[in-house]
Amino acid sequence: MTMQVFVAFNISEPDVVHEKIVEHYADNYLDAGHESFFIATGGETTRQLASKIGLGDDPVASGIVIPVTSYWGRYNRDIWEWINVKQSANGG
């Protein structure tokens, strides 16, 4: 199974959510700045991931989580490379 990359953004409590991201996805996230995080996981839905990081059914913050299916833009090149590597990796 390949890994799916999600982006969580517009987070009201970024420090609290960041702690939960580190707890569950320590080796599979990238802080993109501006209260935005890219998270790679295998076999989880958007809702499952959102719940794990505190944006789901028992929220500690508000924010938006969407899967990254396509991307384009001008930003730090490391982000595009990270997304590409994670989407190509096998995960679980």
PDB file of N, CA and C in Angstrom:
ATOM      1  N   MET A   1       0.841  -1.170   0.000  1.00  0.00           N
ATOM      2  CA  MET A   1       0.000   0.000   0.000  1.00  0.00           C
ATOM      3  C   MET A   1       0.890   1.238   0.000  1.00  0.00           C
ATOM      4  N   THR A   2       0.601   2.162  -0.885  1.00  0.00           N
ATOM      5  CA  THR A   2       1.351   3.409  -0.886  1.00  0.00           C
ATOM      6  C   THR A   2       0.797   4.334   0.181  1.00  0.00           C
ATOM      7  N   MET A   3       1.590   5.304   0.540  1.00  0.00           N
ATOM      8  CA  MET A   3       1.163   6.244   1.565  1.00  0.00           C
ATOM      9  C   MET A   3       0.332   7.351   0.945  1.00  0.00           C
ATOM     10  N   GLN A   4      -0.627   7.817   1.710  1.00  0.00           N
ATOM     11  CA  GLN A   4      -1.449   8.960   1.327  1.00  0.00           C
ATOM     12  C   GLN A   4      -0.923  10.175   2.080  1.00  0.00           C
ATOM     13  N   VAL A   5      -0.826  11.299   1.417  1.00  0.00           N
ATOM     14  CA  VAL A   5      -0.401  12.540   2.062  1.00  0.00           C
ATOM     15  C   VAL A   5      -1.632  13.426   2.245  1.00  0.00           C
ATOM     16  N   PHE A   6      -1.746  13.970   3.447  1.00  0.00           N
ATOM     17  CA  PHE A   6      -2.821  14.905   3.789  1.00  0.00           C
ATOM     18  C   PHE A   6      -2.198  16.230   4.177  1.00  0.00           C
ATOM     19  N   VAL A   7      -2.967  17.289   4.078  1.00  0.00           N
ATOM     20  CA  VAL A   7      -2.544  18.581   4.606  1.00  0.00           C
ATOM     21  C   VAL A   7      -3.586  19.018   5.624  1.00  0.00           C
ATOM     22  N   ALA A   8      -3.095  19.440   6.781  1.00  0.00           N
ATOM     23  CA  ALA A   8      -3.941  20.025   7.822  1.00  0.00           C
ATOM     24  C   ALA A   8      -3.567  21.499   7.902  1.00  0.00           C
ATOM     25  N   PHE A   9      -4.557  22.374   7.831  1.00  0.00           N
ATOM     26  CA  PHE A   9      -4.249  23.795   7.804  1.00  0.00           C
ATOM     27  C   PHE A   9      -5.352  24.610   8.464  1.00  0.00           C
ATOM     28  N   ASN A  10      -5.084  25.895   8.627  1.00  0.00           N
ATOM     29  CA  ASN A  10      -6.009  26.817   9.280  1.00  0.00           C
ATOM     30  C   ASN A  10      -6.372  26.307  10.680  1.00  0.00           C
ATOM     31  N   ILE A  11      -5.355  25.866  11.402  1.00  0.00           N
ATOM     32  CA  ILE A  11      -5.532  25.237  12.709  1.00  0.00           C
ATOM     33  C   ILE A  11      -5.565  26.307  13.804  1.00  0.00           C
ATOM     34  N   SER A  12      -6.590  26.229  14.636  1.00  0.00           N
ATOM     35  CA  SER A  12      -6.772  27.247  15.674  1.00  0.00           C
ATOM     36  C   SER A  12      -5.794  27.105  16.841  1.00  0.00           C
ATOM     37  N   GLU A  13      -5.358  25.894  17.129  1.00  0.00           N
ATOM     38  CA  GLU A  13      -4.425  25.620  18.225  1.00  0.00           C
ATOM     39  C   GLU A  13      -3.243  24.819  17.681  1.00  0.00           C
ATOM     40  N   PRO A  14      -2.366  25.449  16.900  1.00  0.00           N
ATOM     41  CA  PRO A  14      -1.308  24.698  16.220  1.00  0.00           C
ATOM     42  C   PRO A  14      -0.341  23.981  17.157  1.00  0.00           C
ATOM     43  N   ASP A  15      -0.054  24.532  18.327  1.00  0.00           N
ATOM     44  CA  ASP A  15       0.875  23.864  19.239  1.00  0.00           C
ATOM     45  C   ASP A  15       0.290  22.559  19.776  1.00  0.00           C
ATOM     46  N   VAL A  16      -0.990  22.572  20.127  1.00  0.00           N
ATOM     47  CA  VAL A  16      -1.655  21.371  20.639  1.00  0.00           C
ATOM     48  C   VAL A  16      -1.735  20.313  19.545  1.00  0.00           C
ATOM     49  N   VAL A  17      -2.133  20.710  18.357  1.00  0.00           N
ATOM     50  CA  VAL A  17      -2.249  19.781  17.238  1.00  0.00           C
ATOM     51  C   VAL A  17      -0.865  19.248  16.860  1.00  0.00           C
ATOM     52  N   HIS A  18       0.151  20.096  16.873  1.00  0.00           N
ATOM     53  CA  HIS A  18       1.506  19.659  16.560  1.00  0.00           C
ATOM     54  C   HIS A  18       1.948  18.546  17.514  1.00  0.00           C
ATOM     55  N   GLU A  19       1.638  18.665  18.791  1.00  0.00           N
ATOM     56  CA  GLU A  19       1.985  17.616  19.758  1.00  0.00           C
ATOM     57  C   GLU A  19       1.335  16.289  19.389  1.00  0.00           C
ATOM     58  N   LYS A  20       0.075  16.322  18.976  1.00  0.00           N
ATOM     59  CA  LYS A  20      -0.620  15.101  18.585  1.00  0.00           C
ATOM     60  C   LYS A  20      -0.051  14.531  17.283  1.00  0.00           C
ATOM     61  N   ILE A  21       0.336  15.390  16.368  1.00  0.00           N
ATOM     62  CA  ILE A  21       0.955  14.927  15.127  1.00  0.00           C
ATOM     63  C   ILE A  21       2.263  14.214  15.434  1.00  0.00           C
ATOM     64  N   VAL A  22       3.082  14.793  16.284  1.00  0.00           N
ATOM     65  CA  VAL A  22       4.348  14.167  16.665  1.00  0.00           C
ATOM     66  C   VAL A  22       4.090  12.828  17.346  1.00  0.00           C
ATOM     67  N   GLU A  23       3.084  12.776  18.210  1.00  0.00           N
ATOM     68  CA  GLU A  23       2.746  11.536  18.924  1.00  0.00           C
ATOM     69  C   GLU A  23       2.388  10.408  17.963  1.00  0.00           C
ATOM     70  N   HIS A  24       1.606  10.704  16.938  1.00  0.00           N
ATOM     71  CA  HIS A  24       1.092   9.661  16.040  1.00  0.00           C
ATOM     72  C   HIS A  24       1.868   9.507  14.738  1.00  0.00           C
ATOM     73  N   TYR A  25       2.552  10.549  14.296  1.00  0.00           N
ATOM     74  CA  TYR A  25       3.186  10.534  12.973  1.00  0.00           C
ATOM     75  C   TYR A  25       4.604  11.107  13.018  1.00  0.00           C
ATOM     76  N   ALA A  26       5.355  10.768  14.028  1.00  0.00           N
ATOM     77  CA  ALA A  26       6.667  11.384  14.287  1.00  0.00           C
ATOM     78  C   ALA A  26       7.584  11.401  13.068  1.00  0.00           C
ATOM     79  N   ASP A  27       7.607  10.339  12.305  1.00  0.00           N
ATOM     80  CA  ASP A  27       8.500  10.253  11.150  1.00  0.00           C
ATOM     81  C   ASP A  27       7.815  10.574   9.831  1.00  0.00           C
ATOM     82  N   ASN A  28       6.556  10.956   9.907  1.00  0.00           N
ATOM     83  CA  ASN A  28       5.780  11.124   8.678  1.00  0.00           C
ATOM     84  C   ASN A  28       4.994  12.425   8.625  1.00  0.00           C
ATOM     85  N   TYR A  29       5.626  13.501   9.073  1.00  0.00           N
ATOM     86  CA  TYR A  29       4.961  14.791   8.941  1.00  0.00           C
ATOM     87  C   TYR A  29       5.998  15.860   8.598  1.00  0.00           C
ATOM     88  N   LEU A  30       5.488  16.935   8.041  1.00  0.00           N
ATOM     89  CA  LEU A  30       6.330  18.075   7.697  1.00  0.00           C
ATOM     90  C   LEU A  30       5.585  19.341   8.096  1.00  0.00           C
ATOM     91  N   ASP A  31       6.214  20.165   8.899  1.00  0.00           N
ATOM     92  CA  ASP A  31       5.641  21.448   9.296  1.00  0.00           C
ATOM     93  C   ASP A  31       5.891  22.431   8.157  1.00  0.00           C
ATOM     94  N   ALA A  32       4.817  22.864   7.506  1.00  0.00           N
ATOM     95  CA  ALA A  32       4.932  23.765   6.367  1.00  0.00           C
ATOM     96  C   ALA A  32       4.854  25.229   6.776  1.00  0.00           C
ATOM     97  N   GLY A  33       4.746  25.482   8.082  1.00  0.00           N
ATOM     98  CA  GLY A  33       4.615  26.853   8.560  1.00  0.00           C
ATOM     99  C   GLY A  33       3.193  27.354   8.428  1.00  0.00           C
ATOM    100  N   HIS A  34       2.913  28.480   9.022  1.00  0.00           N
ATOM    101  CA  HIS A  34       1.600  29.120   8.934  1.00  0.00           C
ATOM    102  C   HIS A  34       0.469  28.206   9.422  1.00  0.00           C
ATOM    103  N   GLU A  35       0.717  27.457  10.517  1.00  0.00           N
ATOM    104  CA  GLU A  35      -0.263  26.524  11.078  1.00  0.00           C
ATOM    105  C   GLU A  35      -0.705  25.467  10.074  1.00  0.00           C
ATOM    106  N   SER A  36       0.216  25.014   9.235  1.00  0.00           N
ATOM    107  CA  SER A  36      -0.069  23.991   8.224  1.00  0.00           C
ATOM    108  C   SER A  36       0.917  22.841   8.356  1.00  0.00           C
ATOM    109  N   PHE A  37       0.397  21.616   8.219  1.00  0.00           N
ATOM    110  CA  PHE A  37       1.229  20.424   8.339  1.00  0.00           C
ATOM    111  C   PHE A  37       0.865  19.444   7.235  1.00  0.00           C
ATOM    112  N   PHE A  38       1.880  18.827   6.632  1.00  0.00           N
ATOM    113  CA  PHE A  38       1.677  17.705   5.729  1.00  0.00           C
ATOM    114  C   PHE A  38       1.914  16.444   6.542  1.00  0.00           C
ATOM    115  N   ILE A  39       1.032  15.455   6.378  1.00  0.00           N
ATOM    116  CA  ILE A  39       1.105  14.215   7.146  1.00  0.00           C
ATOM    117  C   ILE A  39       0.925  13.062   6.178  1.00  0.00           C
ATOM    118  N   ALA A  40       1.814  12.066   6.264  1.00  0.00           N
ATOM    119  CA  ALA A  40       1.728  10.883   5.421  1.00  0.00           C
ATOM    120  C   ALA A  40       1.330   9.692   6.274  1.00  0.00           C
ATOM    121  N   THR A  41       0.419   8.891   5.757  1.00  0.00           N
ATOM    122  CA  THR A  41      -0.043   7.707   6.469  1.00  0.00           C
ATOM    123  C   THR A  41      -0.524   6.665   5.474  1.00  0.00           C
ATOM    124  N   GLY A  42      -0.519   5.434   5.902  1.00  0.00           N
ATOM    125  CA  GLY A  42      -1.019   4.349   5.061  1.00  0.00           C
ATOM    126  C   GLY A  42      -2.305   3.789   5.644  1.00  0.00           C
ATOM    127  N   GLY A  43      -3.333   3.732   4.851  1.00  0.00           N
ATOM    128  CA  GLY A  43      -4.558   3.055   5.254  1.00  0.00           C
ATOM    129  C   GLY A  43      -5.500   3.813   6.163  1.00  0.00           C
ATOM    130  N   GLU A  44      -5.348   5.108   6.304  1.00  0.00           N
ATOM    131  CA  GLU A  44      -6.263   5.890   7.130  1.00  0.00           C
ATOM    132  C   GLU A  44      -7.086   6.824   6.257  1.00  0.00           C
ATOM    133  N   THR A  45      -8.300   7.079   6.701  1.00  0.00           N
ATOM    134  CA  THR A  45      -9.148   8.040   6.006  1.00  0.00           C
ATOM    135  C   THR A  45      -8.848   9.446   6.528  1.00  0.00           C
ATOM    136  N   THR A  46      -9.374  10.424   5.846  1.00  0.00           N
ATOM    137  CA  THR A  46      -9.228  11.806   6.280  1.00  0.00           C
ATOM    138  C   THR A  46      -9.802  11.980   7.681  1.00  0.00           C
ATOM    139  N   ARG A  47     -10.954  11.407   7.913  1.00  0.00           N
ATOM    140  CA  ARG A  47     -11.607  11.528   9.224  1.00  0.00           C
ATOM    141  C   ARG A  47     -10.791  10.856  10.327  1.00  0.00           C
ATOM    142  N   GLN A  48     -10.239   9.671  10.062  1.00  0.00           N
ATOM    143  CA  GLN A  48      -9.420   8.986  11.063  1.00  0.00           C
ATOM    144  C   GLN A  48      -8.202   9.811  11.441  1.00  0.00           C
ATOM    145  N   LEU A  49      -7.519  10.345  10.435  1.00  0.00           N
ATOM    146  CA  LEU A  49      -6.357  11.181  10.705  1.00  0.00           C
ATOM    147  C   LEU A  49      -6.756  12.425  11.493  1.00  0.00           C
ATOM    148  N   ALA A  50      -7.815  13.085  11.075  1.00  0.00           N
ATOM    149  CA  ALA A  50      -8.272  14.297  11.770  1.00  0.00           C
ATOM    150  C   ALA A  50      -8.570  14.002  13.231  1.00  0.00           C
ATOM    151  N   SER A  51      -9.183  12.878  13.511  1.00  0.00           N
ATOM    152  CA  SER A  51      -9.478  12.512  14.900  1.00  0.00           C
ATOM    153  C   SER A  51      -8.208  12.311  15.704  1.00  0.00           C
ATOM    154  N   LYS A  52      -7.205  11.655  15.122  1.00  0.00           N
ATOM    155  CA  LYS A  52      -5.950  11.408  15.829  1.00  0.00           C
ATOM    156  C   LYS A  52      -5.215  12.692  16.186  1.00  0.00           C
ATOM    157  N   ILE A  53      -5.348  13.719  15.348  1.00  0.00           N
ATOM    158  CA  ILE A  53      -4.599  14.958  15.612  1.00  0.00           C
ATOM    159  C   ILE A  53      -5.439  16.018  16.321  1.00  0.00           C
ATOM    160  N   GLY A  54      -6.649  15.634  16.742  1.00  0.00           N
ATOM    161  CA  GLY A  54      -7.453  16.539  17.547  1.00  0.00           C
ATOM    162  C   GLY A  54      -8.421  17.419  16.793  1.00  0.00           C
ATOM    163  N   LEU A  55      -8.704  17.084  15.543  1.00  0.00           N
ATOM    164  CA  LEU A  55      -9.633  17.883  14.743  1.00  0.00           C
ATOM    165  C   LEU A  55     -10.892  17.104  14.378  1.00  0.00           C
ATOM    166  N   GLY A  56     -11.118  15.964  15.047  1.00  0.00           N
ATOM    167  CA  GLY A  56     -12.234  15.100  14.679  1.00  0.00           C
ATOM    168  C   GLY A  56     -13.408  15.176  15.621  1.00  0.00           C
ATOM    169  N   ASP A  57     -13.883  13.998  16.032  1.00  0.00           N
ATOM    170  CA  ASP A  57     -15.101  13.885  16.825  1.00  0.00           C
ATOM    171  C   ASP A  57     -14.977  14.478  18.226  1.00  0.00           C
ATOM    172  N   ASP A  58     -13.790  14.431  18.808  1.00  0.00           N
ATOM    173  CA  ASP A  58     -13.552  15.000  20.143  1.00  0.00           C
ATOM    174  C   ASP A  58     -12.467  16.069  19.988  1.00  0.00           C
ATOM    175  N   PRO A  59     -12.812  17.205  19.395  1.00  0.00           N
ATOM    176  CA  PRO A  59     -11.785  18.161  18.964  1.00  0.00           C
ATOM    177  C   PRO A  59     -11.111  18.922  20.108  1.00  0.00           C
ATOM    178  N   VAL A  60      -9.824  19.170  19.911  1.00  0.00           N
ATOM    179  CA  VAL A  60      -9.066  20.067  20.785  1.00  0.00           C
ATOM    180  C   VAL A  60      -8.795  21.383  20.059  1.00  0.00           C
ATOM    181  N   ALA A  61      -9.108  21.408  18.775  1.00  0.00           N
ATOM    182  CA  ALA A  61      -8.884  22.597  17.945  1.00  0.00           C
ATOM    183  C   ALA A  61      -9.774  22.504  16.713  1.00  0.00           C
ATOM    184  N   SER A  62      -9.866  23.591  15.994  1.00  0.00           N
ATOM    185  CA  SER A  62     -10.547  23.569  14.703  1.00  0.00           C
ATOM    186  C   SER A  62      -9.499  23.644  13.609  1.00  0.00           C
ATOM    187  N   GLY A  63      -9.835  23.141  12.451  1.00  0.00           N
ATOM    188  CA  GLY A  63      -8.922  23.162  11.320  1.00  0.00           C
ATOM    189  C   GLY A  63      -9.496  22.363  10.172  1.00  0.00           C
ATOM    190  N   ILE A  64      -8.764  22.293   9.105  1.00  0.00           N
ATOM    191  CA  ILE A  64      -9.197  21.611   7.891  1.00  0.00           C
ATOM    192  C   ILE A  64      -8.157  20.562   7.531  1.00  0.00           C
ATOM    193  N   VAL A  65      -8.626  19.355   7.154  1.00  0.00           N
ATOM    194  CA  VAL A  65      -7.746  18.280   6.700  1.00  0.00           C
ATOM    195  C   VAL A  65      -8.259  17.799   5.350  1.00  0.00           C
ATOM    196  N   ILE A  66      -7.375  17.766   4.355  1.00  0.00           N
ATOM    197  CA  ILE A  66      -7.754  17.254   3.038  1.00  0.00           C
ATOM    198  C   ILE A  66      -6.632  16.387   2.489  1.00  0.00           C
ATOM    199  N   PRO A  67      -6.970  15.392   1.662  1.00  0.00           N
ATOM    200  CA  PRO A  67      -5.931  14.600   1.023  1.00  0.00           C
ATOM    201  C   PRO A  67      -5.260  15.391  -0.097  1.00  0.00           C
ATOM    202  N   VAL A  68      -3.976  15.163  -0.263  1.00  0.00           N
ATOM    203  CA  VAL A  68      -3.227  15.814  -1.339  1.00  0.00           C
ATOM    204  C   VAL A  68      -3.217  14.847  -2.521  1.00  0.00           C
ATOM    205  N   THR A  69      -4.005  15.163  -3.529  1.00  0.00           N
ATOM    206  CA  THR A  69      -4.058  14.314  -4.717  1.00  0.00           C
ATOM    207  C   THR A  69      -3.320  14.946  -5.894  1.00  0.00           C
ATOM    208  N   SER A  70      -3.140  16.239  -5.816  1.00  0.00           N
ATOM    209  CA  SER A  70      -2.412  16.971  -6.837  1.00  0.00           C
ATOM    210  C   SER A  70      -1.878  18.235  -6.175  1.00  0.00           C
ATOM    211  N   TYR A  71      -0.816  18.776  -6.717  1.00  0.00           N
ATOM    212  CA  TYR A  71      -0.286  19.994  -6.125  1.00  0.00           C
ATOM    213  C   TYR A  71       0.499  20.785  -7.148  1.00  0.00           C
ATOM    214  N   TRP A  72       0.541  22.078  -6.903  1.00  0.00           N
ATOM    215  CA  TRP A  72       1.299  22.992  -7.747  1.00  0.00           C
ATOM    216  C   TRP A  72       1.484  24.279  -6.967  1.00  0.00           C
ATOM    217  N   GLY A  73       2.561  24.947  -7.154  1.00  0.00           N
ATOM    218  CA  GLY A  73       2.741  26.222  -6.506  1.00  0.00           C
ATOM    219  C   GLY A  73       4.198  26.625  -6.407  1.00  0.00           C
ATOM    220  N   ARG A  74       4.422  27.750  -5.819  1.00  0.00           N
ATOM    221  CA  ARG A  74       5.763  28.273  -5.573  1.00  0.00           C
ATOM    222  C   ARG A  74       5.954  28.328  -4.076  1.00  0.00           C
ATOM    223  N   TYR A  75       6.858  27.510  -3.581  1.00  0.00           N
ATOM    224  CA  TYR A  75       7.132  27.457  -2.143  1.00  0.00           C
ATOM    225  C   TYR A  75       8.444  26.721  -1.968  1.00  0.00           C
ATOM    226  N   ASN A  76       8.762  26.402  -0.781  1.00  0.00           N
ATOM    227  CA  ASN A  76       9.987  25.689  -0.465  1.00  0.00           C
ATOM    228  C   ASN A  76      10.061  24.361  -1.230  1.00  0.00           C
ATOM    229  N   ARG A  77      11.105  24.176  -2.017  1.00  0.00           N
ATOM    230  CA  ARG A  77      11.272  22.976  -2.833  1.00  0.00           C
ATOM    231  C   ARG A  77      11.255  21.695  -1.989  1.00  0.00           C
ATOM    232  N   ASP A  78      11.734  21.777  -0.746  1.00  0.00           N
ATOM    233  CA  ASP A  78      11.752  20.596   0.116  1.00  0.00           C
ATOM    234  C   ASP A  78      10.357  20.031   0.334  1.00  0.00           C
ATOM    235  N   ILE A  79       9.335  20.876   0.349  1.00  0.00           N
ATOM    236  CA  ILE A  79       7.973  20.391   0.542  1.00  0.00           C
ATOM    237  C   ILE A  79       7.535  19.530  -0.625  1.00  0.00           C
ATOM    238  N   TRP A  80       7.793  19.983  -1.849  1.00  0.00           N
ATOM    239  CA  TRP A  80       7.378  19.203  -3.024  1.00  0.00           C
ATOM    240  C   TRP A  80       8.116  17.875  -3.068  1.00  0.00           C
ATOM    241  N   GLU A  81       9.400  17.883  -2.729  1.00  0.00           N
ATOM    242  CA  GLU A  81      10.173  16.645  -2.710  1.00  0.00           C
ATOM    243  C   GLU A  81       9.665  15.707  -1.621  1.00  0.00           C
ATOM    244  N   TRP A  82       9.334  16.235  -0.447  1.00  0.00           N
ATOM    245  CA  TRP A  82       8.820  15.425   0.651  1.00  0.00           C
ATOM    246  C   TRP A  82       7.513  14.754   0.242  1.00  0.00           C
ATOM    247  N   ILE A  83       6.590  15.519  -0.358  1.00  0.00           N
ATOM    248  CA  ILE A  83       5.313  14.952  -0.801  1.00  0.00           C
ATOM    249  C   ILE A  83       5.557  13.829  -1.803  1.00  0.00           C
ATOM    250  N   ASN A  84       6.415  14.068  -2.767  1.00  0.00           N
ATOM    251  CA  ASN A  84       6.697  13.070  -3.786  1.00  0.00           C
ATOM    252  C   ASN A  84       7.270  11.793  -3.178  1.00  0.00           C
ATOM    253  N   VAL A  85       8.219  11.924  -2.273  1.00  0.00           N
ATOM    254  CA  VAL A  85       8.841  10.762  -1.636  1.00  0.00           C
ATOM    255  C   VAL A  85       7.801   9.982  -0.823  1.00  0.00           C
ATOM    256  N   LYS A  86       6.998  10.683  -0.037  1.00  0.00           N
ATOM    257  CA  LYS A  86       6.000  10.009   0.802  1.00  0.00           C
ATOM    258  C   LYS A  86       4.922   9.336  -0.034  1.00  0.00           C
ATOM    259  N   GLN A  87       4.465   9.973  -1.109  1.00  0.00           N
ATOM    260  CA  GLN A  87       3.440   9.361  -1.947  1.00  0.00           C
ATOM    261  C   GLN A  87       3.966   8.137  -2.683  1.00  0.00           C
ATOM    262  N   SER A  88       5.271   8.064  -2.875  1.00  0.00           N
ATOM    263  CA  SER A  88       5.872   6.930  -3.565  1.00  0.00           C
ATOM    264  C   SER A  88       6.274   5.802  -2.610  1.00  0.00           C
ATOM    265  N   ALA A  89       6.251   6.078  -1.311  1.00  0.00           N
ATOM    266  CA  ALA A  89       6.721   5.109  -0.308  1.00  0.00           C
ATOM    267  C   ALA A  89       5.614   4.127   0.060  1.00  0.00           C
ATOM    268  N   ASN A  90       6.036   2.966   0.504  1.00  0.00           N
ATOM    269  CA  ASN A  90       5.097   2.006   1.076  1.00  0.00           C
ATOM    270  C   ASN A  90       4.968   2.308   2.553  1.00  0.00           C
ATOM    271  N   GLY A  91       3.784   2.307   3.042  1.00  0.00           N
ATOM    272  CA  GLY A  91       3.566   2.619   4.455  1.00  0.00           C
ATOM    273  C   GLY A  91       2.537   1.715   5.061  1.00  0.00           C
ATOM    274  N   GLY A  92       2.375   1.889   6.339  1.00  0.00           N
ATOM    275  CA  GLY A  92       1.389   1.051   7.018  1.00  0.00           C
ATOM    276  C   GLY A  92       0.973   1.640   8.301  1.00  0.00           C
TER     277      GLY A  92
END
